[in-house]
Amino acid sequence: MPYKDLLVGISEMLRKQDQQAEILAKHTQILGETNETLKNFVEVSIQQFQQQDKFNTHFLAELRKQDAQFERQNDFNARFLEKLDEIAKKL
């Protein structure tokens, strides 16, 4: 009879071990899926960052062009006002 109890005990331990192996396999699968999702998220985030950086670079270049045009316009306006003052003084 003791052998039968031992076999039942071993059988029960093996059954519990099998259940734990199934649980671990499921957790491993879930972790793998989570890992894949996070990788995709990081890739998309990097792509969005690169697109935003490209946009920012282009936008900054356009702002610099506008700033240069603004400075030229200010120079022109200053010279124009000087000429108007000279004409007004001659009158």
Protein backbone atom coordinates (compact mmCIF):
# COMPACT_ATOMS: atom_id res chain seq x y z
CA MET A 1 0.00 0.00 0.00
CA PRO A 2 2.78 2.49 0.70
CA TYR A 3 3.96 2.16 -2.91
CA LYS A 4 0.49 3.03 -4.10
CA ASP A 5 0.48 6.18 -1.93
CA LEU A 6 3.92 7.06 -3.25
CA LEU A 7 2.76 6.60 -6.84
CA VAL A 8 -0.32 8.74 -6.18
CA GLY A 9 1.91 11.42 -4.64
CA ILE A 10 4.31 11.34 -7.59
CA SER A 11 1.40 11.38 -10.00
CA GLU A 12 -0.08 14.41 -8.27
CA MET A 13 3.28 16.21 -8.31
CA LEU A 14 3.69 15.49 -12.02
CA ARG A 15 0.16 16.73 -12.74
CA LYS A 16 0.84 19.98 -10.83
CA GLN A 17 4.18 20.34 -12.63
CA ASP A 18 2.39 19.91 -15.95
CA GLN A 19 -0.15 22.58 -14.97
CA GLN A 20 2.67 24.93 -14.01
CA ALA A 21 4.39 24.25 -17.34
CA GLU A 22 1.18 25.17 -19.18
CA ILE A 23 0.86 28.37 -17.16
CA LEU A 24 4.50 29.25 -17.84
CA ALA A 25 4.03 28.55 -21.54
CA LYS A 26 1.00 30.87 -21.62
CA HIS A 27 2.94 33.58 -19.76
CA THR A 28 5.84 33.17 -22.17
CA GLN A 29 3.45 33.58 -25.10
CA ILE A 30 1.90 36.70 -23.54
CA LEU A 31 5.35 38.16 -22.85
CA GLY A 32 6.38 37.45 -26.44
CA GLU A 33 3.29 39.20 -27.77
CA THR A 34 3.85 42.13 -25.43
CA ASN A 35 7.48 42.34 -26.53
CA GLU A 36 6.43 42.38 -30.19
CA THR A 37 3.85 45.08 -29.51
CA LEU A 38 6.42 47.21 -27.69
CA LYS A 39 8.92 46.77 -30.52
CA ASN A 40 6.30 47.96 -33.02
CA PHE A 41 5.43 50.89 -30.77
CA VAL A 42 9.08 51.91 -30.51
CA GLU A 43 9.54 51.64 -34.29
CA VAL A 44 6.49 53.81 -34.92
CA SER A 45 7.66 56.29 -32.29
CA ILE A 46 11.09 56.51 -33.91
CA GLN A 47 9.52 57.04 -37.34
CA GLN A 48 7.26 59.76 -35.98
CA PHE A 49 10.21 61.42 -34.27
CA GLN A 50 12.21 61.35 -37.50
CA GLN A 51 9.29 62.80 -39.46
CA GLN A 52 8.82 65.53 -36.86
CA ASP A 53 12.55 66.29 -36.92
CA LYS A 54 12.47 66.56 -40.73
CA PHE A 55 9.45 68.85 -40.53
CA ASN A 56 11.11 70.99 -37.84
CA THR A 57 14.28 71.32 -39.91
CA HIS A 58 12.30 72.40 -42.97
CA PHE A 59 10.16 74.77 -40.88
CA LEU A 60 13.27 76.33 -39.32
CA ALA A 61 14.82 76.84 -42.76
CA GLU A 62 11.65 78.59 -43.92
CA LEU A 63 11.65 80.79 -40.81
CA ARG A 64 15.26 81.76 -41.51
CA LYS A 65 14.33 82.70 -45.08
CA GLN A 66 11.45 84.80 -43.81
CA ASP A 67 13.72 86.41 -41.24
CA ALA A 68 16.20 87.31 -43.97
CA GLN A 69 13.40 88.78 -46.08
CA PHE A 70 12.14 90.70 -43.06
CA GLU A 71 15.62 92.16 -42.49
CA ARG A 72 15.91 93.18 -46.16
CA GLN A 73 12.48 94.81 -45.96
CA ASN A 74 13.50 96.68 -42.81
CA ASP A 75 16.69 97.91 -44.50
CA PHE A 76 14.68 99.06 -47.51
CA ASN A 77 12.13 100.80 -45.27
CA ALA A 78 14.89 102.57 -43.33
CA ARG A 79 16.55 103.82 -46.54
CA PHE A 80 13.18 104.84 -47.95
CA LEU A 81 12.37 106.86 -44.82
CA GLU A 82 15.80 108.51 -44.97
CA LYS A 83 15.14 109.54 -48.56
CA LEU A 84 11.70 110.86 -47.63
CA ASP A 85 13.28 112.88 -44.81
CA GLU A 86 15.87 114.30 -47.22
CA ILE A 87 13.14 115.25 -49.69
CA ALA A 88 11.04 116.80 -46.93
CA LYS A 89 14.02 118.87 -45.74
CA LYS A 90 14.62 120.18 -49.26
CA LEU A 91 11.07 121.39 -49.55
